[in-house]
Amino acid sequence: MNLRFEKLQSPIYPAFLHVGEYSIPIDPDRVQSLKEITREEPAPFFEALIEKVGYNRYLKELLREGISKAEEPSSLARRLQEEIRSL
């Protein structure tokens, strides 16, 4: 499952988190809170990511599914952390 951040040129939603075929809009305050967790180890990073981006139970489960399908969770965490830093 594809899991990635996309930077946008919008002041309202400066980023999207793509999870498979779904796109989750990320507001500026949430971008800042995500930047605070980019130094975490993979497991705590993923839990914080799910809590900060999962607005409801469905999104949280979708994120957990995307993370669980990653072949290399530590590589996924590093890539997502780099993407967050570039937002």
Protein backbone atom coordinates (compact mmCIF):
# COMPACT_ATOMS: atom_id res chain seq x y z
CA MET A 1 0.00 0.00 0.00
CA ASN A 2 1.33 3.41 -0.97
CA LEU A 3 1.97 5.66 2.04
CA ARG A 4 3.51 9.07 1.35
CA PHE A 5 3.29 12.80 2.01
CA GLU A 6 2.79 15.33 -0.78
CA LYS A 7 3.63 19.00 -0.37
CA LEU A 8 1.03 21.40 -1.78
CA GLN A 9 1.10 25.13 -2.51
CA SER A 10 -2.02 25.83 -0.45
CA PRO A 11 -2.09 27.88 2.77
CA ILE A 12 -5.18 25.99 3.97
CA TYR A 13 -3.83 22.46 3.45
CA PRO A 14 -0.10 22.59 2.72
CA ALA A 15 0.14 18.79 2.47
CA PHE A 16 -1.68 15.55 1.87
CA LEU A 17 -0.89 12.16 3.32
CA HIS A 18 -1.65 9.55 0.68
CA VAL A 19 -2.69 6.17 2.03
CA GLY A 20 -3.41 3.82 -0.82
CA GLU A 21 -6.10 5.51 -2.90
CA TYR A 22 -7.07 7.94 -0.12
CA SER A 23 -5.66 11.42 0.49
CA ILE A 24 -5.80 12.93 3.96
CA PRO A 25 -5.48 16.75 4.04
CA ILE A 26 -2.95 18.04 6.56
CA ASP A 27 -3.45 21.56 7.96
CA PRO A 28 -0.51 23.85 8.92
CA ASP A 29 -0.83 23.18 12.67
CA ARG A 30 -0.77 19.45 12.10
CA VAL A 31 2.29 19.79 9.82
CA GLN A 32 4.08 21.52 12.70
CA SER A 33 3.07 18.83 15.18
CA LEU A 34 4.26 16.13 12.76
CA LYS A 35 7.64 17.84 12.43
CA GLU A 36 8.06 17.44 16.20
CA ILE A 37 8.00 13.62 15.93
CA THR A 38 10.49 13.19 13.05
CA ARG A 39 13.31 12.14 15.38
CA GLU A 40 11.36 9.30 17.01
CA GLU A 41 12.20 5.63 16.53
CA PRO A 42 9.86 3.80 14.08
CA ALA A 43 7.35 2.33 16.57
CA PRO A 44 6.73 5.54 18.56
CA PHE A 45 6.80 7.55 15.33
CA PHE A 46 4.07 5.42 13.75
CA GLU A 47 1.89 5.58 16.86
CA ALA A 48 2.23 9.38 17.03
CA LEU A 49 1.57 9.66 13.29
CA ILE A 50 -1.62 7.61 13.62
CA GLU A 51 -2.81 9.76 16.54
CA LYS A 52 -2.01 13.07 14.83
CA VAL A 53 -3.40 12.23 11.38
CA GLY A 54 -6.10 9.67 12.15
CA TYR A 55 -9.11 11.96 12.59
CA ASN A 56 -11.41 8.98 13.11
CA ARG A 57 -11.33 5.23 13.66
CA TYR A 58 -11.49 4.46 9.92
CA LEU A 59 -8.43 6.59 9.12
CA LYS A 60 -6.52 5.12 12.05
CA GLU A 61 -7.21 1.60 10.81
CA LEU A 62 -6.29 2.59 7.25
CA LEU A 63 -2.95 3.98 8.49
CA ARG A 64 -2.27 0.88 10.61
CA GLU A 65 -2.98 -1.32 7.60
CA GLY A 66 -0.64 0.71 5.39
CA ILE A 67 2.14 0.55 7.97
CA SER A 68 1.67 -3.18 8.58
CA LYS A 69 2.00 -3.90 4.85
CA ALA A 70 5.40 -2.21 4.62
CA GLU A 71 8.18 -4.67 3.88
CA GLU A 72 10.71 -2.57 5.81
CA PRO A 73 8.93 -0.54 8.54
CA SER A 74 12.15 1.23 9.57
CA SER A 75 12.77 2.34 5.97
CA LEU A 76 9.17 3.53 5.70
CA ALA A 77 9.55 5.51 8.93
CA ARG A 78 12.76 7.18 7.72
CA ARG A 79 11.21 8.06 4.35
CA LEU A 80 8.07 9.51 5.93
CA GLN A 81 10.16 11.47 8.43
CA GLU A 82 12.18 12.98 5.58
CA GLU A 83 8.99 13.84 3.69
CA ILE A 84 7.57 15.53 6.80
CA ARG A 85 10.75 17.59 7.24
CA SER A 86 10.41 18.86 3.67
CA LEU A 87 6.82 20.07 4.14
